[in-house]
């Protein structure tokens, strides 16, 4: 299999990265990958999966932040009532 120029992971969209991982997995499962290329394929898959995970985590944080802005603020907790007889010496 001829070495083709791979797009840097940072330049791929999320869906392009997922698609490439799926292609790599399909080649590995069908044993279409030459032993000499196996490590490179696995390395590329790990890079793609790491990038996808990072994007998912970033998006999750952003969405949670946006949603939290929609929630009404929690009301302040009421002050605790003063203890009866507080400050008086024991009888």
PDB file of N, CA and C in Angstrom:
ATOM      1  N   UNK A   1       0.851  -1.172   0.000  1.00  0.00           N
ATOM      2  CA  UNK A   1       0.000   0.000   0.000  1.00  0.00           C
ATOM      3  C   UNK A   1       0.891   1.226   0.000  1.00  0.00           C
ATOM      4  N   UNK A   2       0.702   2.090  -0.947  1.00  0.00           N
ATOM      5  CA  UNK A   2       1.535   3.286  -1.053  1.00  0.00           C
ATOM      6  C   UNK A   2       1.188   4.258   0.063  1.00  0.00           C
ATOM      7  N   UNK A   3       2.197   4.917   0.575  1.00  0.00           N
ATOM      8  CA  UNK A   3       2.025   5.903   1.632  1.00  0.00           C
ATOM      9  C   UNK A   3       1.382   7.143   1.038  1.00  0.00           C
ATOM     10  N   UNK A   4       0.195   7.491   1.492  1.00  0.00           N
ATOM     11  CA  UNK A   4      -0.427   8.701   0.987  1.00  0.00           C
ATOM     12  C   UNK A   4      -0.305   9.787   2.043  1.00  0.00           C
ATOM     13  N   UNK A   5      -0.288  11.013   1.588  1.00  0.00           N
ATOM     14  CA  UNK A   5      -0.130  12.164   2.477  1.00  0.00           C
ATOM     15  C   UNK A   5      -1.372  12.276   3.350  1.00  0.00           C
ATOM     16  N   UNK A   6      -1.155  12.277   4.659  1.00  0.00           N
ATOM     17  CA  UNK A   6      -2.265  12.374   5.591  1.00  0.00           C
ATOM     18  C   UNK A   6      -2.420  13.805   6.061  1.00  0.00           C
ATOM     19  N   UNK A   7      -3.658  14.236   6.144  1.00  0.00           N
ATOM     20  CA  UNK A   7      -3.960  15.577   6.642  1.00  0.00           C
ATOM     21  C   UNK A   7      -3.624  15.624   8.126  1.00  0.00           C
ATOM     22  N   UNK A   8      -2.973  16.700   8.576  1.00  0.00           N
ATOM     23  CA  UNK A   8      -2.705  16.814  10.016  1.00  0.00           C
ATOM     24  C   UNK A   8      -4.011  16.725  10.810  1.00  0.00           C
ATOM     25  N   UNK A   9      -3.956  16.046  11.930  1.00  0.00           N
ATOM     26  CA  UNK A   9      -5.149  15.829  12.744  1.00  0.00           C
ATOM     27  C   UNK A   9      -5.826  17.154  13.103  1.00  0.00           C
ATOM     28  N   UNK A  10      -5.038  18.165  13.397  1.00  0.00           N
ATOM     29  CA  UNK A  10      -5.601  19.461  13.799  1.00  0.00           C
ATOM     30  C   UNK A  10      -6.395  20.130  12.685  1.00  0.00           C
ATOM     31  N   UNK A  11      -6.188  19.718  11.444  1.00  0.00           N
ATOM     32  CA  UNK A  11      -6.894  20.313  10.292  1.00  0.00           C
ATOM     33  C   UNK A  11      -8.186  19.570   9.950  1.00  0.00           C
ATOM     34  N   UNK A  12      -8.405  18.424  10.577  1.00  0.00           N
ATOM     35  CA  UNK A  12      -9.589  17.626  10.280  1.00  0.00           C
ATOM     36  C   UNK A  12     -10.768  18.070  11.132  1.00  0.00           C
ATOM     37  N   UNK A  13     -11.948  17.984  10.550  1.00  0.00           N
ATOM     38  CA  UNK A  13     -13.157  18.210  11.350  1.00  0.00           C
ATOM     39  C   UNK A  13     -13.363  16.970  12.219  1.00  0.00           C
ATOM     40  N   UNK A  14     -14.243  17.091  13.196  1.00  0.00           N
ATOM     41  CA  UNK A  14     -14.532  15.953  14.065  1.00  0.00           C
ATOM     42  C   UNK A  14     -15.020  14.769  13.232  1.00  0.00           C
ATOM     43  N   UNK A  15     -15.967  15.025  12.332  1.00  0.00           N
ATOM     44  CA  UNK A  15     -16.533  13.921  11.540  1.00  0.00           C
ATOM     45  C   UNK A  15     -15.500  13.307  10.596  1.00  0.00           C
ATOM     46  N   UNK A  16     -14.593  14.111  10.071  1.00  0.00           N
ATOM     47  CA  UNK A  16     -13.523  13.567   9.221  1.00  0.00           C
ATOM     48  C   UNK A  16     -12.601  12.666  10.039  1.00  0.00           C
ATOM     49  N   UNK A  17     -12.290  13.087  11.262  1.00  0.00           N
ATOM     50  CA  UNK A  17     -11.422  12.285  12.127  1.00  0.00           C
ATOM     51  C   UNK A  17     -12.094  10.962  12.479  1.00  0.00           C
ATOM     52  N   UNK A  18     -13.368  11.014  12.824  1.00  0.00           N
ATOM     53  CA  UNK A  18     -14.103   9.791  13.159  1.00  0.00           C
ATOM     54  C   UNK A  18     -14.145   8.859  11.948  1.00  0.00           C
ATOM     55  N   UNK A  19     -14.399   9.421  10.795  1.00  0.00           N
ATOM     56  CA  UNK A  19     -14.458   8.624   9.570  1.00  0.00           C
ATOM     57  C   UNK A  19     -13.116   7.934   9.296  1.00  0.00           C
ATOM     58  N   UNK A  20     -12.028   8.670   9.516  1.00  0.00           N
ATOM     59  CA  UNK A  20     -10.709   8.078   9.283  1.00  0.00           C
ATOM     60  C   UNK A  20     -10.433   6.953  10.283  1.00  0.00           C
ATOM     61  N   UNK A  21     -10.836   7.142  11.514  1.00  0.00           N
ATOM     62  CA  UNK A  21     -10.668   6.071  12.520  1.00  0.00           C
ATOM     63  C   UNK A  21     -11.458   4.839  12.081  1.00  0.00           C
ATOM     64  N   UNK A  22     -12.685   5.056  11.620  1.00  0.00           N
ATOM     65  CA  UNK A  22     -13.506   3.935  11.153  1.00  0.00           C
ATOM     66  C   UNK A  22     -12.835   3.213   9.986  1.00  0.00           C
ATOM     67  N   UNK A  23     -12.231   3.974   9.076  1.00  0.00           N
ATOM     68  CA  UNK A  23     -11.524   3.366   7.942  1.00  0.00           C
ATOM     69  C   UNK A  23     -10.340   2.532   8.415  1.00  0.00           C
ATOM     70  N   UNK A  24      -9.593   3.072   9.369  1.00  0.00           N
ATOM     71  CA  UNK A  24      -8.431   2.343   9.900  1.00  0.00           C
ATOM     72  C   UNK A  24      -8.884   1.047  10.563  1.00  0.00           C
ATOM     73  N   UNK A  25      -9.928   1.144  11.381  1.00  0.00           N
ATOM     74  CA  UNK A  25     -10.440  -0.047  12.068  1.00  0.00           C
ATOM     75  C   UNK A  25     -10.901  -1.089  11.054  1.00  0.00           C
ATOM     76  N   UNK A  26     -11.580  -0.646  10.004  1.00  0.00           N
ATOM     77  CA  UNK A  26     -12.050  -1.581   8.968  1.00  0.00           C
ATOM     78  C   UNK A  26     -10.868  -2.285   8.301  1.00  0.00           C
ATOM     79  N   UNK A  27      -9.811  -1.513   7.994  1.00  0.00           N
ATOM     80  CA  UNK A  27      -8.624  -2.130   7.385  1.00  0.00           C
ATOM     81  C   UNK A  27      -7.972  -3.127   8.333  1.00  0.00           C
ATOM     82  N   UNK A  28      -7.898  -2.766   9.605  1.00  0.00           N
ATOM     83  CA  UNK A  28      -7.286  -3.673  10.581  1.00  0.00           C
ATOM     84  C   UNK A  28      -8.114  -4.941  10.746  1.00  0.00           C
ATOM     85  N   UNK A  29      -9.438  -4.796  10.808  1.00  0.00           N
ATOM     86  CA  UNK A  29     -10.306  -5.957  10.974  1.00  0.00           C
ATOM     87  C   UNK A  29     -10.297  -6.873   9.759  1.00  0.00           C
ATOM     88  N   UNK A  30     -10.131  -6.296   8.582  1.00  0.00           N
ATOM     89  CA  UNK A  30     -10.132  -7.113   7.367  1.00  0.00           C
ATOM     90  C   UNK A  30      -8.725  -7.582   7.003  1.00  0.00           C
ATOM     91  N   UNK A  31      -7.796  -7.253   7.867  1.00  0.00           N
ATOM     92  CA  UNK A  31      -6.393  -7.640   7.683  1.00  0.00           C
ATOM     93  C   UNK A  31      -5.816  -7.104   6.379  1.00  0.00           C
ATOM     94  N   UNK A  32      -6.248  -5.916   5.965  1.00  0.00           N
ATOM     95  CA  UNK A  32      -5.731  -5.283   4.761  1.00  0.00           C
ATOM     96  C   UNK A  32      -4.467  -4.477   5.038  1.00  0.00           C
ATOM     97  N   UNK A  33      -4.094  -4.380   6.291  1.00  0.00           N
ATOM     98  CA  UNK A  33      -2.931  -3.584   6.657  1.00  0.00           C
ATOM     99  C   UNK A  33      -1.697  -4.464   6.688  1.00  0.00           C
ATOM    100  N   UNK A  34      -0.686  -4.037   5.971  1.00  0.00           N
ATOM    101  CA  UNK A  34       0.599  -4.725   5.956  1.00  0.00           C
ATOM    102  C   UNK A  34       1.227  -4.607   7.341  1.00  0.00           C
ATOM    103  N   UNK A  35       1.895  -5.645   7.763  1.00  0.00           N
ATOM    104  CA  UNK A  35       2.551  -5.643   9.074  1.00  0.00           C
ATOM    105  C   UNK A  35       3.490  -4.454   9.207  1.00  0.00           C
ATOM    106  N   UNK A  36       4.144  -4.077   8.128  1.00  0.00           N
ATOM    107  CA  UNK A  36       5.076  -2.961   8.171  1.00  0.00           C
ATOM    108  C   UNK A  36       4.365  -1.621   8.405  1.00  0.00           C
ATOM    109  N   UNK A  37       3.078  -1.559   8.112  1.00  0.00           N
ATOM    110  CA  UNK A  37       2.306  -0.324   8.276  1.00  0.00           C
ATOM    111  C   UNK A  37       1.432  -0.346   9.529  1.00  0.00           C
ATOM    112  N   UNK A  38       1.380  -1.477  10.206  1.00  0.00           N
ATOM    113  CA  UNK A  38       0.483  -1.643  11.335  1.00  0.00           C
ATOM    114  C   UNK A  38       0.725  -0.610  12.437  1.00  0.00           C
ATOM    115  N   UNK A  39       1.957  -0.435  12.861  1.00  0.00           N
ATOM    116  CA  UNK A  39       2.250   0.517  13.940  1.00  0.00           C
ATOM    117  C   UNK A  39       1.853   1.937  13.544  1.00  0.00           C
ATOM    118  N   UNK A  40       2.117   2.304  12.304  1.00  0.00           N
ATOM    119  CA  UNK A  40       1.753   3.636  11.832  1.00  0.00           C
ATOM    120  C   UNK A  40       0.246   3.852  11.823  1.00  0.00           C
ATOM    121  N   UNK A  41      -0.491   2.830  11.427  1.00  0.00           N
ATOM    122  CA  UNK A  41      -1.951   2.916  11.414  1.00  0.00           C
ATOM    123  C   UNK A  41      -2.499   3.069  12.832  1.00  0.00           C
ATOM    124  N   UNK A  42      -1.965   2.271  13.741  1.00  0.00           N
ATOM    125  CA  UNK A  42      -2.425   2.341  15.130  1.00  0.00           C
ATOM    126  C   UNK A  42      -2.063   3.700  15.731  1.00  0.00           C
ATOM    127  N   UNK A  43      -0.870   4.188  15.430  1.00  0.00           N
ATOM    128  CA  UNK A  43      -0.449   5.500  15.939  1.00  0.00           C
ATOM    129  C   UNK A  43      -1.396   6.591  15.429  1.00  0.00           C
ATOM    130  N   UNK A  44      -1.714   6.549  14.157  1.00  0.00           N
ATOM    131  CA  UNK A  44      -2.628   7.537  13.575  1.00  0.00           C
ATOM    132  C   UNK A  44      -4.011   7.442  14.233  1.00  0.00           C
ATOM    133  N   UNK A  45      -4.492   6.225  14.446  1.00  0.00           N
ATOM    134  CA  UNK A  45      -5.797   6.045  15.088  1.00  0.00           C
ATOM    135  C   UNK A  45      -5.790   6.632  16.502  1.00  0.00           C
ATOM    136  N   UNK A  46      -4.704   6.410  17.247  1.00  0.00           N
ATOM    137  CA  UNK A  46      -4.598   6.953  18.602  1.00  0.00           C
ATOM    138  C   UNK A  46      -4.603   8.482  18.563  1.00  0.00           C
ATOM    139  N   UNK A  47      -3.871   9.070  17.620  1.00  0.00           N
ATOM    140  CA  UNK A  47      -3.857  10.534  17.489  1.00  0.00           C
ATOM    141  C   UNK A  47      -5.257  11.067  17.182  1.00  0.00           C
ATOM    142  N   UNK A  48      -5.955  10.397  16.279  1.00  0.00           N
ATOM    143  CA  UNK A  48      -7.298  10.816  15.905  1.00  0.00           C
ATOM    144  C   UNK A  48      -8.274  10.686  17.072  1.00  0.00           C
ATOM    145  N   UNK A  49      -8.207   9.573  17.774  1.00  0.00           N
ATOM    146  CA  UNK A  49      -9.107   9.345  18.911  1.00  0.00           C
ATOM    147  C   UNK A  49      -8.825  10.358  20.014  1.00  0.00           C
ATOM    148  N   UNK A  50      -7.553  10.639  20.269  1.00  0.00           N
ATOM    149  CA  UNK A  50      -7.183  11.624  21.291  1.00  0.00           C
ATOM    150  C   UNK A  50      -7.742  13.003  20.929  1.00  0.00           C
ATOM    151  N   UNK A  51      -7.609  13.380  19.662  1.00  0.00           N
ATOM    152  CA  UNK A  51      -8.126  14.674  19.210  1.00  0.00           C
ATOM    153  C   UNK A  51      -9.649  14.728  19.329  1.00  0.00           C
ATOM    154  N   UNK A  52     -10.318  13.643  18.966  1.00  0.00           N
ATOM    155  CA  UNK A  52     -11.778  13.596  19.064  1.00  0.00           C
ATOM    156  C   UNK A  52     -12.215  13.697  20.520  1.00  0.00           C
ATOM    157  N   UNK A  53     -11.554  12.980  21.387  1.00  0.00           N
ATOM    158  CA  UNK A  53     -11.900  13.029  22.810  1.00  0.00           C
ATOM    159  C   UNK A  53     -11.727  14.451  23.349  1.00  0.00           C
ATOM    160  N   UNK A  54     -10.630  15.085  22.958  1.00  0.00           N
ATOM    161  CA  UNK A  54     -10.370  16.448  23.409  1.00  0.00           C
ATOM    162  C   UNK A  54     -11.464  17.401  22.931  1.00  0.00           C
ATOM    163  N   UNK A  55     -11.870  17.250  21.678  1.00  0.00           N
ATOM    164  CA  UNK A  55     -12.933  18.107  21.140  1.00  0.00           C
ATOM    165  C   UNK A  55     -14.263  17.857  21.837  1.00  0.00           C
ATOM    166  N   UNK A  56     -14.549  16.596  22.133  1.00  0.00           N
ATOM    167  CA  UNK A  56     -15.785  16.276  22.842  1.00  0.00           C
ATOM    168  C   UNK A  56     -15.781  16.877  24.244  1.00  0.00           C
ATOM    169  N   UNK A  57     -14.662  16.773  24.934  1.00  0.00           N
ATOM    170  CA  UNK A  57     -14.567  17.336  26.285  1.00  0.00           C
ATOM    171  C   UNK A  57     -14.707  18.853  26.255  1.00  0.00           C
ATOM    172  N   UNK A  58     -14.077  19.500  25.281  1.00  0.00           N
ATOM    173  CA  UNK A  58     -14.175  20.952  25.153  1.00  0.00           C
ATOM    174  C   UNK A  58     -15.619  21.363  24.863  1.00  0.00           C
ATOM    175  N   UNK A  59     -16.244  20.668  23.952  1.00  0.00           N
ATOM    176  CA  UNK A  59     -17.628  20.974  23.604  1.00  0.00           C
ATOM    177  C   UNK A  59     -18.544  20.738  24.797  1.00  0.00           C
ATOM    178  N   UNK A  60     -18.300  19.676  25.549  1.00  0.00           N
ATOM    179  CA  UNK A  60     -19.098  19.392  26.736  1.00  0.00           C
ATOM    180  C   UNK A  60     -18.999  20.542  27.739  1.00  0.00           C
ATOM    181  N   UNK A  61     -17.777  21.031  27.980  1.00  0.00           N
ATOM    182  CA  UNK A  61     -17.585  22.158  28.908  1.00  0.00           C
ATOM    183  C   UNK A  61     -18.332  23.396  28.409  1.00  0.00           C
ATOM    184  N   UNK A  62     -18.206  23.683  27.111  1.00  0.00           N
ATOM    185  CA  UNK A  62     -18.868  24.858  26.543  1.00  0.00           C
ATOM    186  C   UNK A  62     -20.383  24.760  26.658  1.00  0.00           C
ATOM    187  N   UNK A  63     -20.932  23.590  26.361  1.00  0.00           N
ATOM    188  CA  UNK A  63     -22.384  23.404  26.425  1.00  0.00           C
ATOM    189  C   UNK A  63     -22.859  23.525  27.870  1.00  0.00           C
ATOM    190  N   UNK A  64     -22.134  22.912  28.798  1.00  0.00           N
ATOM    191  CA  UNK A  64     -22.519  23.012  30.211  1.00  0.00           C
ATOM    192  C   UNK A  64     -22.510  24.471  30.675  1.00  0.00           C
ATOM    193  N   UNK A  65     -21.509  25.228  30.243  1.00  0.00           N
ATOM    194  CA  UNK A  65     -21.428  26.644  30.613  1.00  0.00           C
ATOM    195  C   UNK A  65     -22.617  27.409  30.047  1.00  0.00           C
ATOM    196  N   UNK A  66     -22.945  27.156  28.797  1.00  0.00           N
ATOM    197  CA  UNK A  66     -24.090  27.835  28.179  1.00  0.00           C
ATOM    198  C   UNK A  66     -25.395  27.478  28.871  1.00  0.00           C
ATOM    199  N   UNK A  67     -25.581  26.212  29.166  1.00  0.00           N
ATOM    200  CA  UNK A  67     -26.811  25.772  29.823  1.00  0.00           C
ATOM    201  C   UNK A  67     -26.895  26.359  31.231  1.00  0.00           C
ATOM    202  N   UNK A  68     -25.768  26.440  31.915  1.00  0.00           N
ATOM    203  CA  UNK A  68     -25.790  26.989  33.278  1.00  0.00           C
ATOM    204  C   UNK A  68     -26.221  28.452  33.275  1.00  0.00           C
ATOM    205  N   UNK A  69     -25.995  29.141  32.185  1.00  0.00           N
ATOM    206  CA  UNK A  69     -26.420  30.536  32.082  1.00  0.00           C
ATOM    207  C   UNK A  69     -27.941  30.646  31.955  1.00  0.00           C
ATOM    208  N   UNK A  70     -28.586  29.576  31.536  1.00  0.00           N
ATOM    209  CA  UNK A  70     -30.039  29.569  31.396  1.00  0.00           C
ATOM    210  C   UNK A  70     -30.742  29.266  32.711  1.00  0.00           C
ATOM    211  N   UNK A  71     -30.063  28.597  33.615  1.00  0.00           N
ATOM    212  CA  UNK A  71     -30.666  28.218  34.880  1.00  0.00           C
ATOM    213  C   UNK A  71     -30.774  29.434  35.794  1.00  0.00           C
ATOM    214  N   UNK A  72     -31.920  29.541  36.503  1.00  0.00           N
ATOM    215  CA  UNK A  72     -32.052  30.675  37.415  1.00  0.00           C
ATOM    216  C   UNK A  72     -31.060  30.523  38.568  1.00  0.00           C
ATOM    217  N   UNK A  73     -30.580  31.635  39.089  1.00  0.00           N
ATOM    218  CA  UNK A  73     -29.638  31.531  40.197  1.00  0.00           C
ATOM    219  C   UNK A  73     -30.340  30.941  41.415  1.00  0.00           C
ATOM    220  N   UNK A  74     -29.580  30.192  42.200  1.00  0.00           N
ATOM    221  CA  UNK A  74     -30.152  29.596  43.396  1.00  0.00           C
ATOM    222  C   UNK A  74     -30.393  30.695  44.424  1.00  0.00           C
ATOM    223  N   UNK A  75     -31.553  30.628  45.116  1.00  0.00           N
ATOM    224  CA  UNK A  75     -31.814  31.653  46.129  1.00  0.00           C
ATOM    225  C   UNK A  75     -30.824  31.495  47.284  1.00  0.00           C
ATOM    226  N   UNK A  76     -30.509  32.594  47.949  1.00  0.00           N
ATOM    227  CA  UNK A  76     -29.574  32.479  49.071  1.00  0.00           C
ATOM    228  C   UNK A  76     -30.214  31.655  50.184  1.00  0.00           C
ATOM    229  N   UNK A  77     -29.383  30.930  50.902  1.00  0.00           N
ATOM    230  CA  UNK A  77     -29.900  30.123  52.002  1.00  0.00           C
ATOM    231  C   UNK A  77     -30.294  31.049  53.149  1.00  0.00           C
ATOM    232  N   UNK A  78     -31.415  30.729  53.810  1.00  0.00           N
ATOM    233  CA  UNK A  78     -31.837  31.588  54.918  1.00  0.00           C
ATOM    234  C   UNK A  78     -30.818  31.525  56.053  1.00  0.00           C
ATOM    235  N   UNK A  79     -30.713  32.642  56.759  1.00  0.00           N
ATOM    236  CA  UNK A  79     -29.791  32.688  57.895  1.00  0.00           C
ATOM    237  C   UNK A  79     -30.306  31.767  58.981  1.00  0.00           C
ATOM    238  N   UNK A  80     -29.390  31.145  59.688  1.00  0.00           N
ATOM    239  CA  UNK A  80     -29.792  30.248  60.766  1.00  0.00           C
ATOM    240  C   UNK A  80     -30.347  31.082  61.919  1.00  0.00           C
ATOM    241  N   UNK A  81     -31.432  30.600  62.534  1.00  0.00           N
ATOM    242  CA  UNK A  81     -31.993  31.359  63.661  1.00  0.00           C
ATOM    243  C   UNK A  81     -31.003  31.370  64.820  1.00  0.00           C
ATOM    244  N   UNK A  82     -31.001  32.470  65.539  1.00  0.00           N
ATOM    245  CA  UNK A  82     -30.094  32.591  66.682  1.00  0.00           C
ATOM    246  C   UNK A  82     -30.518  31.606  67.758  1.00  0.00           C
ATOM    247  N   UNK A  83     -29.544  31.004  68.425  1.00  0.00           N
ATOM    248  CA  UNK A  83     -29.839  30.082  69.524  1.00  0.00           C
ATOM    249  C   UNK A  83     -30.495  30.865  70.654  1.00  0.00           C
ATOM    250  N   UNK A  84     -31.563  30.277  71.216  1.00  0.00           N
ATOM    251  CA  UNK A  84     -32.207  30.942  72.339  1.00  0.00           C
ATOM    252  C   UNK A  84     -31.271  30.909  73.533  1.00  0.00           C
ATOM    253  N   UNK A  85     -31.143  32.014  74.156  1.00  0.00           N
ATOM    254  CA  UNK A  85     -30.284  32.088  75.326  1.00  0.00           C
ATOM    255  C   UNK A  85     -28.832  32.196  74.977  1.00  0.00           C
ATOM    256  N   UNK A  86     -28.521  32.419  73.733  1.00  0.00           N
ATOM    257  CA  UNK A  86     -27.134  32.540  73.340  1.00  0.00           C
ATOM    258  C   UNK A  86     -26.527  33.769  73.992  1.00  0.00           C
ATOM    259  N   UNK A  87     -25.392  33.655  74.487  1.00  0.00           N
ATOM    260  CA  UNK A  87     -24.702  34.767  75.097  1.00  0.00           C
ATOM    261  C   UNK A  87     -25.042  34.947  76.580  1.00  0.00           C
ATOM    262  N   UNK A  88     -26.048  34.189  77.105  1.00  0.00           N
ATOM    263  CA  UNK A  88     -26.392  34.280  78.518  1.00  0.00           C
ATOM    264  C   UNK A  88     -25.596  33.225  79.275  1.00  0.00           C
ATOM    265  N   UNK A  89     -25.105  33.567  80.442  1.00  0.00           N
ATOM    266  CA  UNK A  89     -24.382  32.572  81.237  1.00  0.00           C
ATOM    267  C   UNK A  89     -25.328  31.485  81.712  1.00  0.00           C
ATOM    268  N   UNK A  90     -24.839  30.258  81.838  1.00  0.00           N
ATOM    269  CA  UNK A  90     -25.700  29.157  82.317  1.00  0.00           C
ATOM    270  C   UNK A  90     -26.204  29.435  83.712  1.00  0.00           C
ATOM    271  N   UNK A  91     -27.416  28.996  84.017  1.00  0.00           N
ATOM    272  CA  UNK A  91     -28.032  29.245  85.304  1.00  0.00           C
ATOM    273  C   UNK A  91     -27.606  28.232  86.329  1.00  0.00           C
TER     274      UNK A  91
END
